[in-house]
Amino acid sequence: MNSVSRNLFKLNFLAVCGNQSSVLCNNYERFTPKTIIPSRNTFILKRKYPMRLRSKGLEDSRPRLKGKDYCYELVENTETRKQEPIPIILKQYVEGLGLSGECVSVRKYEAYRKYIITGLADFATPEQVEEARKKKESQESRNYSTLTALSTVRYLQSHLLAVVMNKDVEWTLEPWHIRVAFRKAGIHVPTNAIQLPEKPIKGPNLDWELKYFCVTVTINNKEKATVRCRLHHWSTNIADRVPFVENPWALPQEAIFPEDQELISRLPIPKFKRINTSNINV
C-alpha cells in the first residue's frame, strides 16, 4: 500500500469513527436526566492508619503518600442519623397528643406533615410561645379533661350495651343495673356517672324485648357520652326463656320511647361479625 492509499484509509476510518461517536453522544444526551439534584449527605470518616511525620527540616515539603494513607473507616452516615424531636405549639386539642396552647415534642417529619401544614400547630418559637401563653390567659379555649377523653367518648357512643333483666320478677331499671351491664362488657363505670332516661323503665315487659334506649355517661365530670342499650329478658327456667334470635344486633334499631329514635339513629353503628348458628343446639 502506497502512502496515498494509506492516507485515504486513515481519513475514511476517522470519518467513520467520528460519525459513530457523534451518534453515541446524541443517544447519551437523549437518555440522560435533564435535572441533576446533588446529594447533601455527609459521611464522617477517620484514617485507618496514622499519617507519617515529616522529616526534620522538611516541614514545608509535601510528604509522599502511600496506598494505606488513602484507607478510611466510616464513623457515621448523617443520613441515617436519628432526628431529634422538635417542639411545637398546638393551636387546638389533638387527640392523644396535647391540649390547645401546649408545647409538645414530636418528630420533625411528623410535625411538618401532620401538624404544621394542616394548621393544627406552629413551630415553638419564642414569639409563638408568648402568644399562646397570652391567649390562654385571656380566654378559655375548649379543651378536654384528658388526652384520651375524646377517644373514650367515641368508644362509648359506638358501643352496644346489652342490659339483661329478670323475666320472672318485677323490677325498675336503676343506675346500678347499667353499671353491672358495663362490668360484664369489661368497662368500669361508677354509678354516679350514669344518667338514666327521664321516663322510668319497668318490667318485665316482653313488648320491649330487644328494643333500645339511651343512657348518658359523664367522663371526668366534664365530657358526656350517649350510650345505646338493648333490653333483654332472661329466666333461670329454661322452658320460660324467650325464643332465641340469631344475630340480634343486625335487626332494625327500634327504640322503647319514640322520642329517642332519632338520637339512636344518629349514633355510630357498631360493627359485629355475623355468627353461623346452624350447628348450635338451642
C-alpha atoms as a PDB file:
ATOM      1  CA  MET A   1       0.000   0.000   0.000  1.00  0.00           C
ATOM      2  CA  ASN A   2       1.498   3.282  -1.039  1.00  0.00           C
ATOM      3  CA  SER A   3       1.465   6.467   1.012  1.00  0.00           C
ATOM      4  CA  VAL A   4      -1.507   7.983  -0.874  1.00  0.00           C
ATOM      5  CA  SER A   5      -3.780   4.979  -0.306  1.00  0.00           C
ATOM      6  CA  ARG A   6      -2.632   4.755   3.324  1.00  0.00           C
ATOM      7  CA  ASN A   7      -3.632   8.390   3.957  1.00  0.00           C
ATOM      8  CA  LEU A   8      -7.026   7.855   2.311  1.00  0.00           C
ATOM      9  CA  PHE A   9      -7.648   4.823   4.566  1.00  0.00           C
ATOM     10  CA  LYS A  10      -6.859   6.878   7.635  1.00  0.00           C
ATOM     11  CA  LEU A  11      -9.258   9.643   6.598  1.00  0.00           C
ATOM     12  CA  ASN A  12     -12.097   7.157   5.951  1.00  0.00           C
ATOM     13  CA  PHE A  13     -11.504   5.427   9.279  1.00  0.00           C
ATOM     14  CA  LEU A  14     -11.544   8.722  11.198  1.00  0.00           C
ATOM     15  CA  ALA A  15     -14.717   9.796   9.411  1.00  0.00           C
ATOM     16  CA  VAL A  16     -16.489   6.574  10.309  1.00  0.00           C
ATOM     17  CA  CYS A  17     -15.348   6.739  13.960  1.00  0.00           C
ATOM     18  CA  GLY A  18     -16.355  10.362  14.177  1.00  0.00           C
ATOM     19  CA  ASN A  19     -19.849   9.578  12.917  1.00  0.00           C
ATOM     20  CA  GLN A  20     -20.218   6.703  15.400  1.00  0.00           C
ATOM     21  CA  SER A  21     -19.041   8.839  18.312  1.00  0.00           C
ATOM     22  CA  SER A  22     -21.495  11.605  17.399  1.00  0.00           C
ATOM     23  CA  VAL A  23     -24.346   9.051  17.346  1.00  0.00           C
ATOM     24  CA  LEU A  24     -23.324   7.748  20.768  1.00  0.00           C
ATOM     25  CA  CYS A  25     -23.152  11.279  22.160  1.00  0.00           C
ATOM     26  CA  ASN A  26     -26.602  12.080  20.790  1.00  0.00           C
ATOM     27  CA  ASN A  27     -28.090   8.890  22.299  1.00  0.00           C
ATOM     28  CA  TYR A  28     -26.443   9.598  25.646  1.00  0.00           C
ATOM     29  CA  GLU A  29     -27.825  13.128  25.773  1.00  0.00           C
ATOM     30  CA  ARG A  30     -31.275  11.808  24.895  1.00  0.00           C
ATOM     31  CA  PHE A  31     -31.469   9.407  27.843  1.00  0.00           C
ATOM     32  CA  THR A  32     -29.658  11.433  30.481  1.00  0.00           C
ATOM     33  CA  PRO A  33     -31.887  13.295  33.002  1.00  0.00           C
ATOM     34  CA  LYS A  34     -32.321  16.970  32.362  1.00  0.00           C
ATOM     35  CA  THR A  35     -32.066  17.927  36.056  1.00  0.00           C
ATOM     36  CA  ILE A  36     -29.488  16.526  38.453  1.00  0.00           C
ATOM     37  CA  ILE A  37     -30.080  17.148  42.165  1.00  0.00           C
ATOM     38  CA  PRO A  38     -26.835  16.998  44.145  1.00  0.00           C
ATOM     39  CA  SER A  39     -26.759  14.826  47.226  1.00  0.00           C
ATOM     40  CA  ARG A  40     -26.224  16.580  50.541  1.00  0.00           C
ATOM     41  CA  ASN A  41     -25.257  13.541  52.563  1.00  0.00           C
ATOM     42  CA  THR A  42     -22.326  13.825  54.917  1.00  0.00           C
ATOM     43  CA  PHE A  43     -20.073  10.913  55.777  1.00  0.00           C
ATOM     44  CA  ILE A  44     -17.778  11.217  58.788  1.00  0.00           C
ATOM     45  CA  LEU A  45     -14.564   9.235  58.194  1.00  0.00           C
ATOM     46  CA  LYS A  46     -11.302   8.593  60.010  1.00  0.00           C
ATOM     47  CA  ARG A  47      -7.986   7.333  58.759  1.00  0.00           C
ATOM     48  CA  LYS A  48      -7.352   3.675  59.291  1.00  0.00           C
ATOM     49  CA  TYR A  49      -3.603   4.212  59.597  1.00  0.00           C
ATOM     50  CA  PRO A  50      -1.919   7.268  61.154  1.00  0.00           C
ATOM     51  CA  MET A  51      -0.097   9.666  58.844  1.00  0.00           C
ATOM     52  CA  ARG A  52       3.693   9.600  58.819  1.00  0.00           C
ATOM     53  CA  LEU A  53       5.508  12.520  60.377  1.00  0.00           C
ATOM     54  CA  ARG A  54       7.577  14.768  58.155  1.00  0.00           C
ATOM     55  CA  SER A  55      11.322  14.687  58.464  1.00  0.00           C
ATOM     56  CA  LYS A  56      13.010  17.366  60.477  1.00  0.00           C
ATOM     57  CA  GLY A  57      13.825  20.333  58.353  1.00  0.00           C
ATOM     58  CA  LEU A  58      11.360  19.344  55.629  1.00  0.00           C
ATOM     59  CA  GLU A  59       8.179  20.669  57.270  1.00  0.00           C
ATOM     60  CA  ASP A  60       7.322  22.769  54.190  1.00  0.00           C
ATOM     61  CA  SER A  61       7.693  19.887  51.744  1.00  0.00           C
ATOM     62  CA  ARG A  62       4.781  17.701  50.704  1.00  0.00           C
ATOM     63  CA  PRO A  63       5.050  14.138  52.089  1.00  0.00           C
ATOM     64  CA  ARG A  64       4.854  11.242  49.725  1.00  0.00           C
ATOM     65  CA  LEU A  65       1.633   9.326  50.394  1.00  0.00           C
ATOM     66  CA  LYS A  66       1.271   5.588  50.119  1.00  0.00           C
ATOM     67  CA  GLY A  67      -1.733   3.434  49.360  1.00  0.00           C
ATOM     68  CA  LYS A  68      -2.573   2.823  53.009  1.00  0.00           C
ATOM     69  CA  ASP A  69      -2.812   6.589  53.559  1.00  0.00           C
ATOM     70  CA  TYR A  70      -5.996   6.544  51.475  1.00  0.00           C
ATOM     71  CA  CYS A  71      -7.732   3.912  53.635  1.00  0.00           C
ATOM     72  CA  TYR A  72     -10.590   5.277  55.732  1.00  0.00           C
ATOM     73  CA  GLU A  73     -13.116   3.860  58.162  1.00  0.00           C
ATOM     74  CA  LEU A  74     -16.731   5.030  58.260  1.00  0.00           C
ATOM     75  CA  VAL A  75     -17.612   6.665  61.568  1.00  0.00           C
ATOM     76  CA  GLU A  76     -21.143   7.905  60.833  1.00  0.00           C
ATOM     77  CA  ASN A  77     -23.527   8.458  57.950  1.00  0.00           C
ATOM     78  CA  THR A  78     -25.555  11.541  58.801  1.00  0.00           C
ATOM     79  CA  GLU A  79     -28.374  10.445  56.511  1.00  0.00           C
ATOM     80  CA  THR A  80     -29.235   7.559  58.835  1.00  0.00           C
ATOM     81  CA  ARG A  81     -28.845   9.641  61.996  1.00  0.00           C
ATOM     82  CA  LYS A  82     -31.951   9.589  64.177  1.00  0.00           C
ATOM     83  CA  GLN A  83     -33.555  13.009  64.146  1.00  0.00           C
ATOM     84  CA  GLU A  84     -34.220  14.613  67.466  1.00  0.00           C
ATOM     85  CA  PRO A  85     -37.854  15.617  68.201  1.00  0.00           C
ATOM     86  CA  ILE A  86     -38.691  19.287  67.821  1.00  0.00           C
ATOM     87  CA  PRO A  87     -41.078  21.337  69.992  1.00  0.00           C
ATOM     88  CA  ILE A  88     -44.338  22.661  68.527  1.00  0.00           C
ATOM     89  CA  ILE A  89     -47.215  24.737  69.907  1.00  0.00           C
ATOM     90  CA  LEU A  90     -50.671  23.227  69.446  1.00  0.00           C
ATOM     91  CA  LYS A  91     -53.390  25.556  68.186  1.00  0.00           C
ATOM     92  CA  GLN A  92     -56.200  23.213  69.242  1.00  0.00           C
ATOM     93  CA  TYR A  93     -56.797  19.937  71.009  1.00  0.00           C
ATOM     94  CA  VAL A  94     -55.133  16.988  69.270  1.00  0.00           C
ATOM     95  CA  GLU A  95     -56.281  13.587  70.452  1.00  0.00           C
ATOM     96  CA  GLY A  96     -53.519  11.622  72.132  1.00  0.00           C
ATOM     97  CA  LEU A  97     -51.001  14.485  71.811  1.00  0.00           C
ATOM     98  CA  GLY A  98     -51.948  17.540  73.838  1.00  0.00           C
ATOM     99  CA  LEU A  99     -54.282  20.421  74.597  1.00  0.00           C
ATOM    100  CA  SER A 100     -54.580  23.806  72.932  1.00  0.00           C
ATOM    101  CA  GLY A 101     -51.632  26.102  73.698  1.00  0.00           C
ATOM    102  CA  GLU A 102     -49.486  23.247  74.992  1.00  0.00           C
ATOM    103  CA  CYS A 103     -45.877  22.744  73.885  1.00  0.00           C
ATOM    104  CA  VAL A 104     -45.153  19.157  72.847  1.00  0.00           C
ATOM    105  CA  SER A 105     -42.219  17.425  71.161  1.00  0.00           C
ATOM    106  CA  VAL A 106     -42.723  15.305  68.043  1.00  0.00           C
ATOM    107  CA  ARG A 107     -40.548  14.004  65.222  1.00  0.00           C
ATOM    108  CA  LYS A 108     -39.507  16.587  62.643  1.00  0.00           C
ATOM    109  CA  TYR A 109     -41.094  14.863  59.640  1.00  0.00           C
ATOM    110  CA  GLU A 110     -44.303  14.108  61.541  1.00  0.00           C
ATOM    111  CA  ALA A 111     -44.530  17.651  62.912  1.00  0.00           C
ATOM    112  CA  TYR A 112     -44.325  19.216  59.460  1.00  0.00           C
ATOM    113  CA  ARG A 113     -46.609  16.801  57.587  1.00  0.00           C
ATOM    114  CA  LYS A 114     -49.325  16.239  60.226  1.00  0.00           C
ATOM    115  CA  TYR A 115     -49.480  19.421  62.278  1.00  0.00           C
ATOM    116  CA  ILE A 116     -47.715  22.389  60.677  1.00  0.00           C
ATOM    117  CA  ILE A 117     -49.184  22.030  57.169  1.00  0.00           C
ATOM    118  CA  THR A 118     -52.668  21.166  58.460  1.00  0.00           C
ATOM    119  CA  GLY A 119     -52.702  24.235  60.722  1.00  0.00           C
ATOM    120  CA  LEU A 120     -53.000  22.283  63.960  1.00  0.00           C
ATOM    121  CA  ALA A 121     -49.732  23.641  65.376  1.00  0.00           C
ATOM    122  CA  ASP A 122     -46.883  26.102  64.894  1.00  0.00           C
ATOM    123  CA  PHE A 123     -43.147  25.902  65.471  1.00  0.00           C
ATOM    124  CA  ALA A 124     -42.289  26.668  69.084  1.00  0.00           C
ATOM    125  CA  THR A 125     -40.561  29.986  68.501  1.00  0.00           C
ATOM    126  CA  PRO A 126     -40.324  32.430  71.438  1.00  0.00           C
ATOM    127  CA  GLU A 127     -42.964  34.622  69.797  1.00  0.00           C
ATOM    128  CA  GLN A 128     -45.407  31.712  69.377  1.00  0.00           C
ATOM    129  CA  VAL A 129     -44.831  30.550  72.953  1.00  0.00           C
ATOM    130  CA  GLU A 130     -45.559  34.031  74.312  1.00  0.00           C
ATOM    131  CA  GLU A 131     -48.637  34.401  72.088  1.00  0.00           C
ATOM    132  CA  ALA A 132     -50.010  31.030  73.213  1.00  0.00           C
ATOM    133  CA  ARG A 133     -49.484  31.968  76.854  1.00  0.00           C
ATOM    134  CA  LYS A 134     -51.322  35.285  76.463  1.00  0.00           C
ATOM    135  CA  LYS A 135     -54.166  33.643  74.549  1.00  0.00           C
ATOM    136  CA  LYS A 136     -54.547  31.006  77.220  1.00  0.00           C
ATOM    137  CA  GLU A 137     -54.700  33.648  79.956  1.00  0.00           C
ATOM    138  CA  SER A 138     -57.130  35.935  78.108  1.00  0.00           C
ATOM    139  CA  GLN A 139     -59.745  33.362  77.113  1.00  0.00           C
ATOM    140  CA  GLU A 140     -60.700  29.861  77.993  1.00  0.00           C
ATOM    141  CA  SER A 141     -60.286  27.607  74.964  1.00  0.00           C
ATOM    142  CA  ARG A 142     -62.296  24.403  74.679  1.00  0.00           C
ATOM    143  CA  ASN A 143     -60.133  21.593  75.958  1.00  0.00           C
ATOM    144  CA  TYR A 144     -60.897  18.074  77.027  1.00  0.00           C
ATOM    145  CA  SER A 145     -60.197  16.809  80.513  1.00  0.00           C
ATOM    146  CA  THR A 146     -57.579  14.269  79.378  1.00  0.00           C
ATOM    147  CA  LEU A 147     -55.843  13.267  76.163  1.00  0.00           C
ATOM    148  CA  THR A 148     -57.959  10.109  75.887  1.00  0.00           C
ATOM    149  CA  ALA A 149     -61.305  11.693  76.809  1.00  0.00           C
ATOM    150  CA  LEU A 150     -62.395  12.172  73.191  1.00  0.00           C
ATOM    151  CA  SER A 151     -61.476   8.603  72.202  1.00  0.00           C
ATOM    152  CA  THR A 152     -63.376   7.323  75.272  1.00  0.00           C
ATOM    153  CA  VAL A 153     -66.488   9.253  74.211  1.00  0.00           C
ATOM    154  CA  ARG A 154     -66.285   7.839  70.689  1.00  0.00           C
ATOM    155  CA  TYR A 155     -65.797   4.300  72.013  1.00  0.00           C
ATOM    156  CA  LEU A 156     -68.827   4.507  74.306  1.00  0.00           C
ATOM    157  CA  GLN A 157     -71.027   6.031  71.603  1.00  0.00           C
ATOM    158  CA  SER A 158     -70.162   3.218  69.196  1.00  0.00           C
ATOM    159  CA  HIS A 159     -70.768   0.535  71.857  1.00  0.00           C
ATOM    160  CA  LEU A 160     -73.925  -1.555  72.157  1.00  0.00           C
ATOM    161  CA  LEU A 161     -74.656  -2.389  75.787  1.00  0.00           C
ATOM    162  CA  ALA A 162     -76.789  -5.462  76.497  1.00  0.00           C
ATOM    163  CA  VAL A 163     -78.870  -4.969  79.653  1.00  0.00           C
ATOM    164  CA  VAL A 164     -80.153  -8.344  80.887  1.00  0.00           C
ATOM    165  CA  MET A 165     -83.126  -8.193  83.288  1.00  0.00           C
ATOM    166  CA  ASN A 166     -85.170 -10.839  85.081  1.00  0.00           C
ATOM    167  CA  LYS A 167     -88.213 -12.208  83.269  1.00  0.00           C
ATOM    168  CA  ASP A 168     -89.941 -13.632  86.375  1.00  0.00           C
ATOM    169  CA  VAL A 169     -89.566 -10.821  88.958  1.00  0.00           C
ATOM    170  CA  GLU A 170     -90.838  -7.249  88.764  1.00  0.00           C
ATOM    171  CA  TRP A 171     -88.120  -4.628  88.560  1.00  0.00           C
ATOM    172  CA  THR A 172     -87.447  -0.966  87.848  1.00  0.00           C
ATOM    173  CA  LEU A 173     -84.291  -0.081  85.953  1.00  0.00           C
ATOM    174  CA  GLU A 174     -81.726   1.692  88.161  1.00  0.00           C
ATOM    175  CA  PRO A 175     -78.190   3.008  87.558  1.00  0.00           C
ATOM    176  CA  TRP A 176     -76.588   0.021  89.255  1.00  0.00           C
ATOM    177  CA  HIS A 177     -78.178  -2.272  86.646  1.00  0.00           C
ATOM    178  CA  ILE A 178     -76.354  -0.302  83.949  1.00  0.00           C
ATOM    179  CA  ARG A 179     -73.139  -0.434  85.984  1.00  0.00           C
ATOM    180  CA  VAL A 180     -73.363  -4.244  86.142  1.00  0.00           C
ATOM    181  CA  ALA A 181     -74.029  -4.417  82.384  1.00  0.00           C
ATOM    182  CA  PHE A 182     -70.931  -2.283  81.752  1.00  0.00           C
ATOM    183  CA  ARG A 183     -68.893  -4.519  84.059  1.00  0.00           C
ATOM    184  CA  LYS A 184     -69.985  -7.619  82.108  1.00  0.00           C
ATOM    185  CA  ALA A 185     -68.798  -5.850  78.945  1.00  0.00           C
ATOM    186  CA  GLY A 186     -65.384  -5.164  80.527  1.00  0.00           C
ATOM    187  CA  ILE A 187     -65.970  -1.439  81.154  1.00  0.00           C
ATOM    188  CA  HIS A 188     -65.765   0.101  84.627  1.00  0.00           C
ATOM    189  CA  VAL A 189     -68.244   2.961  85.106  1.00  0.00           C
ATOM    190  CA  PRO A 190     -69.125   4.384  88.552  1.00  0.00           C
ATOM    191  CA  THR A 191     -72.793   4.533  89.460  1.00  0.00           C
ATOM    192  CA  ASN A 192     -72.829   8.323  89.977  1.00  0.00           C
ATOM    193  CA  ALA A 193     -71.635   8.836  86.364  1.00  0.00           C
ATOM    194  CA  ILE A 194     -74.699   7.095  84.853  1.00  0.00           C
ATOM    195  CA  GLN A 195     -77.829   9.040  83.979  1.00  0.00           C
ATOM    196  CA  LEU A 196     -80.986   7.098  83.047  1.00  0.00           C
ATOM    197  CA  PRO A 197     -83.774   8.295  80.729  1.00  0.00           C
ATOM    198  CA  GLU A 198     -86.350  10.639  82.247  1.00  0.00           C
ATOM    199  CA  LYS A 199     -89.142   8.095  81.828  1.00  0.00           C
ATOM    200  CA  PRO A 200     -88.831   5.041  84.091  1.00  0.00           C
ATOM    201  CA  ILE A 201     -88.322   1.621  82.565  1.00  0.00           C
ATOM    202  CA  LYS A 202     -90.201  -1.078  84.435  1.00  0.00           C
ATOM    203  CA  GLY A 203     -90.626  -4.741  83.726  1.00  0.00           C
ATOM    204  CA  PRO A 204     -90.815  -7.483  82.877  1.00  0.00           C
ATOM    205  CA  ASN A 205     -92.335  -6.269  79.616  1.00  0.00           C
ATOM    206  CA  LEU A 206     -91.853  -8.552  76.619  1.00  0.00           C
ATOM    207  CA  ASP A 207     -93.033  -5.774  74.293  1.00  0.00           C
ATOM    208  CA  TRP A 208     -89.669  -4.091  74.959  1.00  0.00           C
ATOM    209  CA  GLU A 209     -87.609  -7.219  74.251  1.00  0.00           C
ATOM    210  CA  LEU A 210     -84.527  -6.364  72.126  1.00  0.00           C
ATOM    211  CA  LYS A 211     -85.584  -2.718  71.942  1.00  0.00           C
ATOM    212  CA  TYR A 212     -83.228   0.187  72.532  1.00  0.00           C
ATOM    213  CA  PHE A 213     -82.921   3.036  74.994  1.00  0.00           C
ATOM    214  CA  CYS A 214     -80.143   5.531  75.776  1.00  0.00           C
ATOM    215  CA  VAL A 215     -78.198   6.386  78.900  1.00  0.00           C
ATOM    216  CA  THR A 216     -75.720   9.215  79.453  1.00  0.00           C
ATOM    217  CA  VAL A 217     -72.261   8.581  80.926  1.00  0.00           C
ATOM    218  CA  THR A 218     -70.272  11.524  82.339  1.00  0.00           C
ATOM    219  CA  ILE A 219     -66.479  11.260  81.952  1.00  0.00           C
ATOM    220  CA  ASN A 220     -64.287  13.129  84.474  1.00  0.00           C
ATOM    221  CA  ASN A 221     -67.309  15.294  85.398  1.00  0.00           C
ATOM    222  CA  LYS A 222     -66.955  17.103  82.052  1.00  0.00           C
ATOM    223  CA  GLU A 223     -67.492  15.113  78.850  1.00  0.00           C
ATOM    224  CA  LYS A 224     -70.782  13.320  78.241  1.00  0.00           C
ATOM    225  CA  ALA A 225     -71.287  10.245  76.078  1.00  0.00           C
ATOM    226  CA  THR A 226     -74.617   8.835  74.924  1.00  0.00           C
ATOM    227  CA  VAL A 227     -74.629   5.022  75.059  1.00  0.00           C
ATOM    228  CA  ARG A 228     -77.260   2.860  73.354  1.00  0.00           C
ATOM    229  CA  CYS A 229     -78.578  -0.068  75.389  1.00  0.00           C
ATOM    230  CA  ARG A 230     -80.587  -3.104  74.331  1.00  0.00           C
ATOM    231  CA  LEU A 231     -83.033  -4.678  76.779  1.00  0.00           C
ATOM    232  CA  HIS A 232     -83.112  -8.458  77.090  1.00  0.00           C
ATOM    233  CA  HIS A 233     -85.224 -10.642  79.402  1.00  0.00           C
ATOM    234  CA  TRP A 234     -83.733 -13.720  80.985  1.00  0.00           C
ATOM    235  CA  SER A 235     -85.193 -16.544  83.057  1.00  0.00           C
ATOM    236  CA  THR A 236     -83.449 -19.182  85.123  1.00  0.00           C
ATOM    237  CA  ASN A 237     -86.081 -21.676  83.967  1.00  0.00           C
ATOM    238  CA  ILE A 238     -85.098 -22.935  80.519  1.00  0.00           C
ATOM    239  CA  ALA A 239     -88.724 -23.519  79.492  1.00  0.00           C
ATOM    240  CA  ASP A 240     -89.664 -19.876  80.241  1.00  0.00           C
ATOM    241  CA  ARG A 241     -86.866 -18.250  78.253  1.00  0.00           C
ATOM    242  CA  VAL A 242     -87.676 -16.082  75.245  1.00  0.00           C
ATOM    243  CA  PRO A 243     -87.057 -17.628  71.802  1.00  0.00           C
ATOM    244  CA  PHE A 244     -83.515 -17.407  70.510  1.00  0.00           C
ATOM    245  CA  VAL A 245     -82.867 -14.636  67.964  1.00  0.00           C
ATOM    246  CA  GLU A 246     -79.966 -15.063  65.577  1.00  0.00           C
ATOM    247  CA  ASN A 247     -77.668 -12.014  65.363  1.00  0.00           C
ATOM    248  CA  PRO A 248     -79.976  -9.593  67.247  1.00  0.00           C
ATOM    249  CA  TRP A 249     -77.640  -6.643  66.579  1.00  0.00           C
ATOM    250  CA  ALA A 250     -78.448  -6.910  62.869  1.00  0.00           C
ATOM    251  CA  LEU A 251     -82.153  -6.191  63.472  1.00  0.00           C
ATOM    252  CA  PRO A 252     -83.586  -2.673  62.956  1.00  0.00           C
ATOM    253  CA  GLN A 253     -82.906  -0.426  65.937  1.00  0.00           C
ATOM    254  CA  GLU A 254     -86.344   0.196  67.418  1.00  0.00           C
ATOM    255  CA  ALA A 255     -86.452   2.491  70.441  1.00  0.00           C
ATOM    256  CA  ILE A 256     -88.534   1.890  73.564  1.00  0.00           C
ATOM    257  CA  PHE A 257     -89.505   5.568  73.628  1.00  0.00           C
ATOM    258  CA  PRO A 258     -90.334   7.079  70.203  1.00  0.00           C
ATOM    259  CA  GLU A 259     -88.632  10.378  71.076  1.00  0.00           C
ATOM    260  CA  ASP A 260     -85.286   8.551  71.359  1.00  0.00           C
ATOM    261  CA  GLN A 261     -85.490   7.024  67.872  1.00  0.00           C
ATOM    262  CA  GLU A 262     -83.764   9.943  66.140  1.00  0.00           C
ATOM    263  CA  LEU A 263     -80.982  10.056  68.740  1.00  0.00           C
ATOM    264  CA  ILE A 264     -80.312   6.310  68.393  1.00  0.00           C
ATOM    265  CA  SER A 265     -80.219   6.520  64.598  1.00  0.00           C
ATOM    266  CA  ARG A 266     -77.559   9.263  64.756  1.00  0.00           C
ATOM    267  CA  LEU A 267     -75.163   7.189  66.852  1.00  0.00           C
ATOM    268  CA  PRO A 268     -72.389   5.254  65.058  1.00  0.00           C
ATOM    269  CA  ILE A 269     -73.466   1.781  64.035  1.00  0.00           C
ATOM    270  CA  PRO A 270     -71.477  -0.864  65.950  1.00  0.00           C
ATOM    271  CA  LYS A 271     -69.654  -3.419  63.825  1.00  0.00           C
ATOM    272  CA  PHE A 272     -70.236  -7.063  64.685  1.00  0.00           C
ATOM    273  CA  LYS A 273     -69.335 -10.258  62.917  1.00  0.00           C
ATOM    274  CA  ARG A 274     -72.273 -12.414  61.936  1.00  0.00           C
ATOM    275  CA  ILE A 275     -72.241 -15.787  63.681  1.00  0.00           C
ATOM    276  CA  ASN A 276     -73.266 -19.008  61.963  1.00  0.00           C
ATOM    277  CA  THR A 277     -75.639 -20.675  64.415  1.00  0.00           C
ATOM    278  CA  SER A 278     -76.738 -23.567  62.230  1.00  0.00           C
ATOM    279  CA  ASN A 279     -74.696 -26.024  64.299  1.00  0.00           C
ATOM    280  CA  ILE A 280     -75.795 -24.638  67.701  1.00  0.00           C
ATOM    281  CA  ASN A 281     -78.423 -26.574  69.666  1.00  0.00           C
ATOM    282  CA  VAL A 282     -80.866 -24.095  71.193  1.00  0.00           C
END
